[in-house]
Amino acid sequence: MRHARDGAAAAMNAASRVLVARGKNEPQELENPDVGWGQRAKDGVWVPTKDGQRIHIGLDVGAGETIAQVLRPSLRVYPGVDVDTDIVAQTTANGIRLLTVIHGPDAPAEFRFPISLPDGLALEAMPSGGYDVVHLRYGATVGRLYSPWASDSMFRQVKADYVLEGQTVTMRVQHADCFYPVVTDPHYSR
């Protein structure tokens, strides 16, 4: 089994390589006092909406007790959250990224993110494959979970999508026959 520090370094290296290859249009890591991370993976993160409310995005992972390795206030790594899987969690100016790093074929193909919304907000599926957080009274979009992308170590696109089961968004990643590590990016922004 990998040492947690080695896992964090491998996850950071894989995520960094893919983000650099994707280019400058990626959301940049930035401190955001409106984002509140939990200490353990299962604690998830509280993120702001455009109307001043906060929603909770959970990380439903096999090793939910995994403690975050905080590298700086806007960057943390949850090493070994599941078989052959790490999460590199970034705070951005308007939300978060949950860069999920899949290291091998034994890693899960589905990752669950339970979402808790305050009264008056709902998730609405978008044609892009993402979900908008919608204010029910006004019909306004106050947050967005962008459609996931995934890339293998050869920078080839890997099929990834979301399905909604109740209040849980499940990201499905078809990583069989890929070159590892595979990096995928659930990304929320207000």
N, C-alpha and C. Protein backbone atom coordinates (compact mmCIF):
# COMPACT_ATOMS: atom_id res chain seq x y z
N MET A 1 0.84 -1.19 0.00
CA MET A 1 0.00 0.00 0.00
C MET A 1 0.88 1.25 0.00
N ARG A 2 0.45 2.25 -0.75
CA ARG A 2 1.23 3.48 -0.83
C ARG A 2 1.15 4.24 0.49
N HIS A 3 2.23 4.93 0.80
CA HIS A 3 2.24 5.83 1.94
C HIS A 3 1.40 7.05 1.57
N ALA A 4 0.68 7.62 2.52
CA ALA A 4 -0.23 8.74 2.24
C ALA A 4 0.49 9.91 1.56
N ARG A 5 1.70 10.22 1.99
CA ARG A 5 2.45 11.33 1.39
C ARG A 5 2.77 11.02 -0.06
N ASP A 6 3.16 9.77 -0.35
CA ASP A 6 3.43 9.37 -1.73
C ASP A 6 2.17 9.46 -2.57
N GLY A 7 1.04 9.06 -1.99
CA GLY A 7 -0.24 9.14 -2.69
C GLY A 7 -0.61 10.57 -3.02
N ALA A 8 -0.40 11.47 -2.07
CA ALA A 8 -0.71 12.88 -2.30
C ALA A 8 0.18 13.45 -3.40
N ALA A 9 1.46 13.11 -3.37
CA ALA A 9 2.38 13.61 -4.40
C ALA A 9 2.01 13.07 -5.77
N ALA A 10 1.68 11.78 -5.85
CA ALA A 10 1.29 11.18 -7.13
C ALA A 10 0.01 11.82 -7.66
N ALA A 11 -0.96 12.05 -6.78
CA ALA A 11 -2.21 12.67 -7.18
C ALA A 11 -1.98 14.09 -7.69
N MET A 12 -1.17 14.85 -6.95
CA MET A 12 -0.87 16.22 -7.36
C MET A 12 -0.15 16.24 -8.70
N ASN A 13 0.80 15.36 -8.89
CA ASN A 13 1.56 15.30 -10.14
C ASN A 13 0.63 14.99 -11.32
N ALA A 14 -0.22 13.98 -11.16
CA ALA A 14 -1.13 13.59 -12.23
C ALA A 14 -2.10 14.72 -12.56
N ALA A 15 -2.70 15.31 -11.53
CA ALA A 15 -3.66 16.40 -11.74
C ALA A 15 -2.99 17.60 -12.41
N SER A 16 -1.80 17.94 -11.96
CA SER A 16 -1.08 19.10 -12.53
C SER A 16 -0.76 18.89 -14.00
N ARG A 17 -0.28 17.70 -14.34
CA ARG A 17 0.06 17.42 -15.74
C ARG A 17 -1.15 17.57 -16.65
N VAL A 18 -2.29 17.04 -16.23
CA VAL A 18 -3.49 17.10 -17.05
C VAL A 18 -4.00 18.53 -17.14
N LEU A 19 -3.99 19.27 -16.04
CA LEU A 19 -4.48 20.65 -16.07
C LEU A 19 -3.62 21.53 -16.96
N VAL A 20 -2.31 21.35 -16.91
CA VAL A 20 -1.41 22.12 -17.78
C VAL A 20 -1.72 21.79 -19.25
N ALA A 21 -1.92 20.52 -19.56
CA ALA A 21 -2.21 20.12 -20.93
C ALA A 21 -3.56 20.67 -21.41
N ARG A 22 -4.50 20.83 -20.50
CA ARG A 22 -5.83 21.34 -20.88
C ARG A 22 -5.80 22.82 -21.21
N GLY A 23 -4.85 23.57 -20.67
CA GLY A 23 -4.70 24.97 -21.07
C GLY A 23 -5.15 25.97 -20.04
N LYS A 24 -5.10 27.22 -20.46
CA LYS A 24 -5.31 28.36 -19.56
C LYS A 24 -6.76 28.64 -19.22
N ASN A 25 -7.71 28.02 -19.87
CA ASN A 25 -9.12 28.32 -19.61
C ASN A 25 -9.69 27.56 -18.41
N GLU A 26 -8.85 26.77 -17.76
CA GLU A 26 -9.29 26.04 -16.58
C GLU A 26 -9.44 27.00 -15.40
N PRO A 27 -10.44 26.77 -14.52
CA PRO A 27 -10.57 27.61 -13.33
C PRO A 27 -9.32 27.49 -12.47
N GLN A 28 -8.84 28.61 -11.99
CA GLN A 28 -7.61 28.64 -11.23
C GLN A 28 -7.86 28.49 -9.74
N GLU A 29 -6.93 27.84 -9.09
CA GLU A 29 -6.97 27.70 -7.63
C GLU A 29 -6.83 29.09 -7.02
N LEU A 30 -7.65 29.37 -6.01
CA LEU A 30 -7.64 30.69 -5.37
C LEU A 30 -8.31 30.57 -4.02
N GLU A 31 -7.81 31.28 -3.04
CA GLU A 31 -8.46 31.26 -1.73
C GLU A 31 -9.85 31.88 -1.85
N ASN A 32 -10.80 31.31 -1.14
CA ASN A 32 -12.17 31.81 -1.15
C ASN A 32 -12.74 31.58 0.24
N PRO A 33 -12.89 32.64 1.03
CA PRO A 33 -13.37 32.47 2.41
C PRO A 33 -14.81 31.95 2.51
N ASP A 34 -15.55 31.96 1.39
CA ASP A 34 -16.93 31.46 1.41
C ASP A 34 -17.01 29.94 1.28
N VAL A 35 -15.88 29.30 1.01
CA VAL A 35 -15.83 27.84 0.88
C VAL A 35 -15.32 27.25 2.18
N GLY A 36 -16.02 26.26 2.71
CA GLY A 36 -15.63 25.62 3.97
C GLY A 36 -15.44 24.13 3.81
N TRP A 37 -14.18 23.68 3.89
CA TRP A 37 -13.86 22.26 3.73
C TRP A 37 -13.93 21.54 5.07
N GLY A 38 -14.40 20.30 5.03
CA GLY A 38 -14.36 19.44 6.20
C GLY A 38 -12.96 18.85 6.36
N GLN A 39 -12.67 18.38 7.54
CA GLN A 39 -11.35 17.80 7.80
C GLN A 39 -11.21 16.42 7.15
N ARG A 40 -12.28 15.63 7.21
CA ARG A 40 -12.26 14.29 6.64
C ARG A 40 -12.99 14.29 5.30
N ALA A 41 -12.67 13.31 4.47
CA ALA A 41 -13.32 13.22 3.16
C ALA A 41 -14.84 13.20 3.29
N LYS A 42 -15.34 12.41 4.24
CA LYS A 42 -16.80 12.28 4.36
C LYS A 42 -17.48 13.57 4.81
N ASP A 43 -16.70 14.52 5.35
CA ASP A 43 -17.27 15.80 5.77
C ASP A 43 -17.60 16.69 4.59
N GLY A 44 -16.98 16.47 3.43
CA GLY A 44 -17.30 17.22 2.23
C GLY A 44 -16.92 18.69 2.32
N VAL A 45 -17.72 19.52 1.66
CA VAL A 45 -17.42 20.94 1.53
C VAL A 45 -18.71 21.76 1.45
N TRP A 46 -18.68 22.94 2.06
CA TRP A 46 -19.78 23.90 1.96
C TRP A 46 -19.38 24.96 0.95
N VAL A 47 -20.24 25.20 -0.04
CA VAL A 47 -19.93 26.15 -1.11
C VAL A 47 -21.06 27.17 -1.25
N PRO A 48 -20.70 28.40 -1.67
CA PRO A 48 -21.70 29.46 -1.78
C PRO A 48 -22.52 29.36 -3.07
N THR A 49 -23.70 29.98 -3.03
CA THR A 49 -24.51 30.17 -4.22
C THR A 49 -24.55 31.67 -4.52
N LYS A 50 -25.03 32.03 -5.70
CA LYS A 50 -25.09 33.44 -6.09
C LYS A 50 -26.03 34.26 -5.21
N ASP A 51 -27.01 33.60 -4.59
CA ASP A 51 -27.97 34.34 -3.77
C ASP A 51 -27.59 34.35 -2.28
N GLY A 52 -26.34 33.99 -1.98
CA GLY A 52 -25.85 34.09 -0.61
C GLY A 52 -26.12 32.88 0.27
N GLN A 53 -26.73 31.84 -0.27
CA GLN A 53 -26.95 30.63 0.51
C GLN A 53 -25.72 29.72 0.35
N ARG A 54 -25.73 28.61 1.07
CA ARG A 54 -24.63 27.65 0.97
C ARG A 54 -25.23 26.26 0.75
N ILE A 55 -24.57 25.50 -0.10
CA ILE A 55 -24.96 24.11 -0.30
C ILE A 55 -23.80 23.23 0.17
N HIS A 56 -24.12 21.99 0.49
CA HIS A 56 -23.10 21.05 0.94
C HIS A 56 -22.92 19.98 -0.12
N ILE A 57 -21.66 19.74 -0.51
CA ILE A 57 -21.33 18.66 -1.43
C ILE A 57 -20.52 17.65 -0.64
N GLY A 58 -21.06 16.46 -0.53
CA GLY A 58 -20.38 15.40 0.21
C GLY A 58 -19.50 14.55 -0.69
N LEU A 59 -18.61 13.81 -0.07
CA LEU A 59 -17.76 12.85 -0.78
C LEU A 59 -18.09 11.48 -0.21
N ASP A 60 -18.90 10.72 -0.92
CA ASP A 60 -19.30 9.39 -0.48
C ASP A 60 -18.27 8.40 -1.00
N VAL A 61 -17.20 8.21 -0.22
CA VAL A 61 -16.07 7.40 -0.65
C VAL A 61 -15.85 6.25 0.33
N GLY A 62 -15.15 5.22 -0.14
CA GLY A 62 -14.90 4.03 0.68
C GLY A 62 -14.14 4.32 1.95
N ALA A 63 -13.20 5.26 1.89
CA ALA A 63 -12.39 5.62 3.06
C ALA A 63 -12.77 7.04 3.50
N GLY A 64 -14.01 7.19 3.93
CA GLY A 64 -14.54 8.50 4.32
C GLY A 64 -13.83 9.15 5.48
N GLU A 65 -13.15 8.36 6.29
CA GLU A 65 -12.42 8.91 7.45
C GLU A 65 -11.07 9.51 7.06
N THR A 66 -10.70 9.42 5.78
CA THR A 66 -9.42 9.95 5.32
C THR A 66 -9.32 11.43 5.66
N ILE A 67 -8.23 11.79 6.33
CA ILE A 67 -7.97 13.18 6.71
C ILE A 67 -7.30 13.91 5.55
N ALA A 68 -7.75 15.12 5.28
CA ALA A 68 -7.17 15.92 4.20
C ALA A 68 -5.75 16.31 4.54
N GLN A 69 -4.88 16.23 3.57
CA GLN A 69 -3.55 16.79 3.69
C GLN A 69 -3.65 18.19 3.10
N VAL A 70 -3.64 19.20 3.96
CA VAL A 70 -3.82 20.59 3.53
C VAL A 70 -2.46 21.12 3.09
N LEU A 71 -2.33 21.38 1.80
CA LEU A 71 -1.07 21.88 1.25
C LEU A 71 -1.00 23.40 1.32
N ARG A 72 -2.15 24.03 1.16
CA ARG A 72 -2.32 25.47 1.36
C ARG A 72 -3.82 25.67 1.54
N PRO A 73 -4.26 26.84 2.01
CA PRO A 73 -5.69 27.00 2.30
C PRO A 73 -6.61 26.67 1.13
N SER A 74 -6.13 26.81 -0.09
CA SER A 74 -6.97 26.58 -1.26
C SER A 74 -6.73 25.22 -1.93
N LEU A 75 -5.90 24.38 -1.31
CA LEU A 75 -5.57 23.09 -1.92
C LEU A 75 -5.38 22.02 -0.87
N ARG A 76 -6.06 20.91 -1.04
CA ARG A 76 -5.94 19.78 -0.12
C ARG A 76 -6.04 18.49 -0.93
N VAL A 77 -5.45 17.44 -0.38
CA VAL A 77 -5.48 16.14 -1.04
C VAL A 77 -6.05 15.13 -0.05
N TYR A 78 -6.96 14.31 -0.55
CA TYR A 78 -7.51 13.19 0.21
C TYR A 78 -6.93 11.92 -0.43
N PRO A 79 -5.78 11.44 0.05
CA PRO A 79 -5.16 10.26 -0.57
C PRO A 79 -5.88 8.98 -0.16
N GLY A 80 -5.98 8.06 -1.10
CA GLY A 80 -6.53 6.74 -0.81
C GLY A 80 -7.97 6.73 -0.37
N VAL A 81 -8.82 7.61 -0.95
CA VAL A 81 -10.22 7.66 -0.54
C VAL A 81 -11.01 6.45 -1.01
N ASP A 82 -10.46 5.74 -1.96
CA ASP A 82 -11.04 4.48 -2.42
C ASP A 82 -9.92 3.69 -3.07
N VAL A 83 -10.20 2.51 -3.54
CA VAL A 83 -9.18 1.68 -4.17
C VAL A 83 -8.56 2.45 -5.34
N ASP A 84 -7.24 2.61 -5.32
CA ASP A 84 -6.51 3.29 -6.40
C ASP A 84 -7.08 4.67 -6.73
N THR A 85 -7.58 5.38 -5.75
CA THR A 85 -8.22 6.67 -6.00
C THR A 85 -7.82 7.70 -4.96
N ASP A 86 -7.46 8.89 -5.44
CA ASP A 86 -7.20 10.06 -4.60
C ASP A 86 -8.08 11.20 -5.10
N ILE A 87 -8.33 12.17 -4.22
CA ILE A 87 -9.03 13.39 -4.63
C ILE A 87 -8.16 14.58 -4.29
N VAL A 88 -7.92 15.42 -5.30
CA VAL A 88 -7.23 16.69 -5.12
C VAL A 88 -8.32 17.75 -5.14
N ALA A 89 -8.53 18.41 -4.01
CA ALA A 89 -9.62 19.36 -3.85
C ALA A 89 -9.08 20.78 -3.89
N GLN A 90 -9.60 21.57 -4.81
CA GLN A 90 -9.16 22.95 -4.98
C GLN A 90 -10.31 23.90 -4.70
N THR A 91 -9.97 25.01 -4.08
CA THR A 91 -10.90 26.12 -3.97
C THR A 91 -10.62 27.04 -5.14
N THR A 92 -11.66 27.55 -5.78
CA THR A 92 -11.52 28.51 -6.87
C THR A 92 -12.20 29.81 -6.46
N ALA A 93 -12.09 30.81 -7.28
CA ALA A 93 -12.70 32.12 -6.97
C ALA A 93 -14.20 32.00 -6.74
N ASN A 94 -14.86 31.10 -7.48
CA ASN A 94 -16.31 31.00 -7.41
C ASN A 94 -16.83 29.64 -6.98
N GLY A 95 -15.95 28.76 -6.49
CA GLY A 95 -16.43 27.44 -6.11
C GLY A 95 -15.31 26.47 -5.79
N ILE A 96 -15.45 25.25 -6.33
CA ILE A 96 -14.48 24.18 -6.02
C ILE A 96 -14.28 23.27 -7.22
N ARG A 97 -13.18 22.52 -7.16
CA ARG A 97 -12.92 21.42 -8.08
C ARG A 97 -12.58 20.20 -7.23
N LEU A 98 -13.04 19.04 -7.65
CA LEU A 98 -12.74 17.79 -6.97
C LEU A 98 -12.03 16.87 -7.96
N LEU A 99 -10.79 17.19 -8.25
CA LEU A 99 -10.02 16.42 -9.22
C LEU A 99 -9.84 15.00 -8.69
N THR A 100 -10.50 14.07 -9.32
CA THR A 100 -10.48 12.68 -8.89
C THR A 100 -9.44 11.96 -9.73
N VAL A 101 -8.42 11.42 -9.05
CA VAL A 101 -7.30 10.78 -9.72
C VAL A 101 -7.43 9.26 -9.55
N ILE A 102 -7.60 8.58 -10.68
CA ILE A 102 -7.79 7.14 -10.71
C ILE A 102 -6.46 6.52 -11.15
N HIS A 103 -5.87 5.70 -10.28
CA HIS A 103 -4.53 5.18 -10.53
C HIS A 103 -4.47 3.82 -11.20
N GLY A 104 -5.59 3.09 -11.28
CA GLY A 104 -5.52 1.76 -11.86
C GLY A 104 -6.88 1.17 -12.15
N PRO A 105 -6.91 0.02 -12.81
CA PRO A 105 -8.17 -0.59 -13.24
C PRO A 105 -9.05 -1.09 -12.10
N ASP A 106 -8.50 -1.23 -10.89
CA ASP A 106 -9.31 -1.69 -9.76
C ASP A 106 -10.09 -0.56 -9.10
N ALA A 107 -9.83 0.67 -9.52
CA ALA A 107 -10.55 1.82 -8.95
C ALA A 107 -12.02 1.75 -9.34
N PRO A 108 -12.89 2.34 -8.52
CA PRO A 108 -14.31 2.35 -8.87
C PRO A 108 -14.56 3.08 -10.18
N ALA A 109 -15.67 2.77 -10.81
CA ALA A 109 -16.08 3.47 -12.03
C ALA A 109 -17.16 4.51 -11.72
N GLU A 110 -17.61 4.54 -10.46
CA GLU A 110 -18.63 5.52 -10.04
C GLU A 110 -18.20 6.19 -8.76
N PHE A 111 -18.45 7.50 -8.69
CA PHE A 111 -18.13 8.31 -7.52
C PHE A 111 -19.36 9.12 -7.16
N ARG A 112 -19.76 9.05 -5.88
CA ARG A 112 -21.00 9.69 -5.44
C ARG A 112 -20.73 10.96 -4.65
N PHE A 113 -21.51 11.99 -4.99
CA PHE A 113 -21.41 13.29 -4.33
C PHE A 113 -22.81 13.69 -3.86
N PRO A 114 -23.17 13.33 -2.60
CA PRO A 114 -24.47 13.75 -2.07
C PRO A 114 -24.49 15.28 -1.95
N ILE A 115 -25.60 15.86 -2.36
CA ILE A 115 -25.73 17.32 -2.32
C ILE A 115 -26.90 17.69 -1.44
N SER A 116 -26.61 18.56 -0.45
CA SER A 116 -27.66 19.06 0.45
C SER A 116 -27.95 20.50 0.06
N LEU A 117 -29.21 20.74 -0.26
CA LEU A 117 -29.63 22.07 -0.68
C LEU A 117 -30.57 22.69 0.35
N PRO A 118 -30.47 24.01 0.57
CA PRO A 118 -31.44 24.65 1.45
C PRO A 118 -32.83 24.65 0.81
N ASP A 119 -33.85 24.86 1.62
CA ASP A 119 -35.21 24.97 1.08
C ASP A 119 -35.25 26.04 0.01
N GLY A 120 -35.99 25.76 -1.06
CA GLY A 120 -36.14 26.73 -2.13
C GLY A 120 -35.13 26.57 -3.26
N LEU A 121 -34.18 25.65 -3.13
CA LEU A 121 -33.23 25.38 -4.20
C LEU A 121 -33.41 23.95 -4.68
N ALA A 122 -33.13 23.71 -5.97
CA ALA A 122 -33.26 22.37 -6.54
C ALA A 122 -32.20 22.18 -7.61
N LEU A 123 -31.87 20.92 -7.86
CA LEU A 123 -30.96 20.58 -8.96
C LEU A 123 -31.78 20.38 -10.23
N GLU A 124 -31.30 20.95 -11.33
CA GLU A 124 -31.98 20.81 -12.60
C GLU A 124 -30.96 20.34 -13.64
N ALA A 125 -31.28 19.25 -14.33
CA ALA A 125 -30.37 18.71 -15.35
C ALA A 125 -30.27 19.67 -16.51
N MET A 126 -29.06 19.80 -17.04
CA MET A 126 -28.79 20.67 -18.19
C MET A 126 -28.43 19.81 -19.40
N PRO A 127 -28.70 20.30 -20.59
CA PRO A 127 -28.35 19.55 -21.81
C PRO A 127 -26.86 19.23 -21.91
N SER A 128 -26.01 20.01 -21.27
CA SER A 128 -24.56 19.79 -21.31
C SER A 128 -24.14 18.56 -20.53
N GLY A 129 -25.03 18.06 -19.66
CA GLY A 129 -24.69 16.93 -18.80
C GLY A 129 -24.39 17.34 -17.38
N GLY A 130 -24.37 18.63 -17.12
CA GLY A 130 -24.18 19.15 -15.77
C GLY A 130 -25.52 19.39 -15.09
N TYR A 131 -25.45 20.00 -13.90
CA TYR A 131 -26.67 20.33 -13.16
C TYR A 131 -26.58 21.76 -12.67
N ASP A 132 -27.68 22.49 -12.86
CA ASP A 132 -27.78 23.83 -12.30
C ASP A 132 -28.46 23.75 -10.95
N VAL A 133 -28.02 24.61 -10.02
CA VAL A 133 -28.72 24.80 -8.76
C VAL A 133 -29.66 25.97 -9.02
N VAL A 134 -30.96 25.71 -8.95
CA VAL A 134 -31.96 26.69 -9.35
C VAL A 134 -32.77 27.15 -8.14
N HIS A 135 -32.98 28.46 -8.07
CA HIS A 135 -33.86 29.06 -7.06
C HIS A 135 -35.29 28.84 -7.54
N LEU A 136 -36.06 28.05 -6.81
CA LEU A 136 -37.39 27.64 -7.28
C LEU A 136 -38.36 28.81 -7.41
N ARG A 137 -38.27 29.78 -6.54
CA ARG A 137 -39.23 30.90 -6.58
C ARG A 137 -38.98 31.81 -7.78
N TYR A 138 -37.72 32.06 -8.08
CA TYR A 138 -37.39 33.02 -9.14
C TYR A 138 -36.95 32.35 -10.44
N GLY A 139 -36.65 31.06 -10.39
CA GLY A 139 -36.20 30.35 -11.59
C GLY A 139 -34.78 30.70 -11.99
N ALA A 140 -34.05 31.36 -11.12
CA ALA A 140 -32.69 31.79 -11.43
C ALA A 140 -31.69 30.69 -11.09
N THR A 141 -30.66 30.58 -11.91
CA THR A 141 -29.55 29.67 -11.62
C THR A 141 -28.63 30.36 -10.63
N VAL A 142 -28.40 29.72 -9.49
CA VAL A 142 -27.56 30.31 -8.44
C VAL A 142 -26.27 29.53 -8.22
N GLY A 143 -26.09 28.45 -8.97
CA GLY A 143 -24.88 27.64 -8.90
C GLY A 143 -24.91 26.61 -10.02
N ARG A 144 -23.75 26.04 -10.30
CA ARG A 144 -23.69 25.07 -11.39
C ARG A 144 -22.64 24.00 -11.10
N LEU A 145 -23.04 22.75 -11.31
CA LEU A 145 -22.12 21.62 -11.30
C LEU A 145 -21.89 21.29 -12.77
N TYR A 146 -20.72 21.69 -13.26
CA TYR A 146 -20.42 21.53 -14.69
C TYR A 146 -20.28 20.06 -15.06
N SER A 147 -20.59 19.76 -16.31
CA SER A 147 -20.42 18.42 -16.83
C SER A 147 -18.98 17.98 -16.62
N PRO A 148 -18.77 16.75 -16.15
CA PRO A 148 -17.39 16.33 -15.87
C PRO A 148 -16.61 16.04 -17.14
N TRP A 149 -15.34 16.26 -17.08
CA TRP A 149 -14.43 15.81 -18.13
C TRP A 149 -13.48 14.81 -17.49
N ALA A 150 -12.86 13.99 -18.31
CA ALA A 150 -11.85 13.04 -17.82
C ALA A 150 -10.80 12.86 -18.91
N SER A 151 -9.57 12.63 -18.46
CA SER A 151 -8.44 12.47 -19.38
C SER A 151 -7.48 11.43 -18.80
N ASP A 152 -6.91 10.62 -19.69
CA ASP A 152 -5.93 9.65 -19.20
C ASP A 152 -4.52 10.23 -19.31
N SER A 153 -3.51 9.44 -18.95
CA SER A 153 -2.14 9.95 -18.90
C SER A 153 -1.57 10.25 -20.28
N MET A 154 -2.24 9.80 -21.34
CA MET A 154 -1.84 10.12 -22.71
C MET A 154 -2.64 11.33 -23.22
N PHE A 155 -3.36 11.97 -22.30
CA PHE A 155 -4.18 13.16 -22.58
C PHE A 155 -5.31 12.87 -23.55
N ARG A 156 -5.77 11.61 -23.55
CA ARG A 156 -6.93 11.23 -24.35
C ARG A 156 -8.18 11.40 -23.51
N GLN A 157 -9.24 11.85 -24.14
CA GLN A 157 -10.51 12.01 -23.46
C GLN A 157 -11.04 10.65 -23.02
N VAL A 158 -11.58 10.61 -21.81
CA VAL A 158 -12.19 9.41 -21.24
C VAL A 158 -13.65 9.77 -20.98
N LYS A 159 -14.56 8.88 -21.33
CA LYS A 159 -16.00 9.17 -21.15
C LYS A 159 -16.34 9.27 -19.67
N ALA A 160 -16.96 10.39 -19.32
CA ALA A 160 -17.43 10.63 -17.95
C ALA A 160 -18.76 11.36 -18.03
N ASP A 161 -19.69 11.00 -17.15
CA ASP A 161 -20.97 11.69 -17.10
C ASP A 161 -21.55 11.61 -15.70
N TYR A 162 -22.65 12.32 -15.50
CA TYR A 162 -23.36 12.33 -14.23
C TYR A 162 -24.73 11.67 -14.39
N VAL A 163 -25.19 11.08 -13.30
CA VAL A 163 -26.60 10.71 -13.16
C VAL A 163 -27.04 11.19 -11.78
N LEU A 164 -28.28 11.57 -11.68
CA LEU A 164 -28.84 12.05 -10.42
C LEU A 164 -29.71 10.96 -9.83
N GLU A 165 -29.41 10.60 -8.58
CA GLU A 165 -30.19 9.60 -7.85
C GLU A 165 -30.63 10.26 -6.55
N GLY A 166 -31.87 10.75 -6.52
CA GLY A 166 -32.33 11.50 -5.35
C GLY A 166 -31.56 12.80 -5.26
N GLN A 167 -30.84 13.00 -4.16
CA GLN A 167 -30.02 14.20 -3.97
C GLN A 167 -28.53 13.87 -4.13
N THR A 168 -28.21 12.75 -4.76
CA THR A 168 -26.82 12.37 -4.97
C THR A 168 -26.50 12.39 -6.45
N VAL A 169 -25.45 13.14 -6.78
CA VAL A 169 -24.94 13.15 -8.15
C VAL A 169 -23.86 12.07 -8.22
N THR A 170 -24.03 11.13 -9.12
CA THR A 170 -23.05 10.07 -9.32
C THR A 170 -22.29 10.34 -10.61
N MET A 171 -20.97 10.42 -10.48
CA MET A 171 -20.12 10.59 -11.65
C MET A 171 -19.67 9.20 -12.09
N ARG A 172 -19.91 8.88 -13.36
CA ARG A 172 -19.50 7.60 -13.92
C ARG A 172 -18.32 7.85 -14.86
N VAL A 173 -17.26 7.08 -14.67
CA VAL A 173 -16.05 7.23 -15.47
C VAL A 173 -15.72 5.89 -16.10
N GLN A 174 -15.70 5.82 -17.41
CA GLN A 174 -15.41 4.57 -18.12
C GLN A 174 -13.90 4.49 -18.36
N HIS A 175 -13.16 4.09 -17.31
CA HIS A 175 -11.71 4.14 -17.38
C HIS A 175 -11.05 2.81 -17.75
N ALA A 176 -11.82 1.80 -18.05
CA ALA A 176 -11.22 0.54 -18.50
C ALA A 176 -10.48 0.80 -19.82
N ASP A 177 -9.37 0.13 -20.03
CA ASP A 177 -8.57 0.26 -21.26
C ASP A 177 -7.97 1.65 -21.44
N CYS A 178 -7.73 2.35 -20.34
CA CYS A 178 -7.10 3.67 -20.39
C CYS A 178 -5.66 3.56 -19.91
N PHE A 179 -4.90 4.59 -20.15
CA PHE A 179 -3.56 4.69 -19.59
C PHE A 179 -3.67 5.48 -18.29
N TYR A 180 -3.22 4.89 -17.21
CA TYR A 180 -3.37 5.49 -15.89
C TYR A 180 -2.16 6.36 -15.56
N PRO A 181 -2.38 7.38 -14.74
CA PRO A 181 -3.62 7.72 -14.06
C PRO A 181 -4.61 8.45 -14.97
N VAL A 182 -5.88 8.31 -14.61
CA VAL A 182 -6.97 9.04 -15.24
C VAL A 182 -7.38 10.14 -14.27
N VAL A 183 -7.56 11.33 -14.79
CA VAL A 183 -7.99 12.47 -13.95
C VAL A 183 -9.34 12.92 -14.46
N THR A 184 -10.28 13.11 -13.54
CA THR A 184 -11.60 13.63 -13.89
C THR A 184 -11.93 14.78 -12.96
N ASP A 185 -12.81 15.67 -13.41
CA ASP A 185 -12.98 16.94 -12.71
C ASP A 185 -14.43 17.32 -12.45
N PRO A 186 -15.00 16.89 -11.36
CA PRO A 186 -16.25 17.51 -10.94
C PRO A 186 -15.93 18.95 -10.52
N HIS A 187 -16.65 19.91 -11.05
CA HIS A 187 -16.37 21.33 -10.83
C HIS A 187 -17.68 22.06 -10.55
N TYR A 188 -17.73 22.74 -9.39
CA TYR A 188 -18.90 23.54 -9.00
C TYR A 188 -18.51 25.00 -8.99
N SER A 189 -19.40 25.85 -9.46
CA SER A 189 -19.18 27.29 -9.42
C SER A 189 -20.52 27.98 -9.15
N ARG A 190 -20.47 29.07 -8.41
CA ARG A 190 -21.71 29.84 -8.21
C ARG A 190 -21.95 30.75 -9.36
